[in-house]
Protein backbone atom coordinates (compact mmCIF):
# COMPACT_ATOMS: atom_id res chain seq x y z
CA MET A 1 3.90 9.94 4.14
CA THR A 2 4.37 12.94 6.36
CA PRO A 3 6.87 15.77 6.03
CA SER A 4 8.61 14.54 9.18
CA GLU A 5 9.06 11.06 7.64
CA LEU A 6 10.58 12.73 4.58
CA ILE A 7 13.03 14.75 6.69
CA THR A 8 13.92 11.72 8.80
CA TYR A 9 14.68 9.72 5.64
CA PHE A 10 16.83 12.38 3.95
CA LYS A 11 18.26 13.80 7.24
CA THR A 12 17.68 17.50 6.38
CA GLN A 13 15.30 19.66 4.39
CA ALA A 14 18.19 20.73 2.17
CA LEU A 15 19.14 17.13 1.33
CA ALA A 16 15.51 16.24 0.65
CA ALA A 17 15.17 19.23 -1.67
CA ARG A 18 18.34 18.29 -3.52
CA ALA A 19 17.18 14.69 -3.98
CA LEU A 20 13.80 15.82 -5.30
CA GLY A 21 15.06 18.67 -7.44
CA CYS A 22 13.02 21.32 -5.68
CA ALA A 23 13.68 24.34 -3.48
CA GLN A 24 14.26 23.91 0.24
CA SER A 25 11.48 26.46 0.74
CA SER A 26 9.07 23.96 -0.81
CA ILE A 27 10.03 21.36 1.78
CA SER A 28 9.68 23.99 4.50
CA GLY A 29 6.19 24.78 3.22
CA TRP A 30 5.20 21.12 3.41
CA VAL A 31 6.45 20.99 7.00
CA GLU A 32 4.48 24.13 7.84
CA GLN A 33 1.32 22.77 6.18
CA GLY A 34 1.82 19.28 7.59
CA HIS A 35 1.21 17.75 4.15
CA ILE A 36 3.17 16.76 1.04
CA PRO A 37 1.28 17.26 -2.26
CA ASP A 38 0.05 14.03 -3.84
CA GLY A 39 2.21 14.36 -6.95
CA ARG A 40 5.31 14.88 -4.87
CA GLN A 41 4.44 11.88 -2.70
CA TYR A 42 4.41 9.77 -5.86
CA GLN A 43 7.82 11.18 -6.84
CA ILE A 44 9.19 10.54 -3.34
CA GLN A 45 7.92 6.95 -3.35
CA LEU A 46 9.77 6.36 -6.60
CA ALA A 47 12.92 8.19 -5.43
CA THR A 48 13.07 6.11 -2.23
CA ASP A 49 12.36 2.79 -3.98
CA GLY A 50 9.18 2.46 -1.92
CA ARG A 51 10.80 3.05 1.45
CA LEU A 52 8.41 6.00 1.86
CA LEU A 53 4.89 5.31 0.61
CA ALA A 54 2.35 7.74 -0.80
CA ASP A 55 -0.65 8.23 1.48
CA ARG A 56 -3.30 7.78 -1.18
CA PRO A 57 -3.86 4.16 -2.15
CA ALA A 58 -4.40 5.10 -5.81
CA LEU A 59 -0.90 6.57 -5.97
CA ARG A 60 0.59 3.51 -4.30
CA ILE A 61 -1.21 1.18 -6.70
CA ALA A 62 -0.03 3.19 -9.71
CA VAL A 63 3.57 2.77 -8.61
CA GLU A 64 3.19 -0.91 -7.76
CA GLY A 65 1.33 -1.58 -11.02
CA ALA A 66 4.21 -0.09 -12.95
CA GLY A 67 6.58 -2.50 -11.19
CA LEU A 68 8.45 0.38 -9.59
CA ASN A 69 7.83 -0.38 -5.94
CA ALA A 70 10.51 -2.07 -3.87
């Protein structure tokens, strides 16, 4: 997933940060870098019930294998 997909889903950086339990400045950093860290992508995939998918197939498979993907 991309930072812009994350923001589109949650509507604002502040709402995304609140949902993920992190600082808004972290979200801002991801936007600036154009990348969400792999571990956070996994967390986001779980938090969105699979509506946003982690970029790395191994992360996606881990979530699906645990029966946590929508």
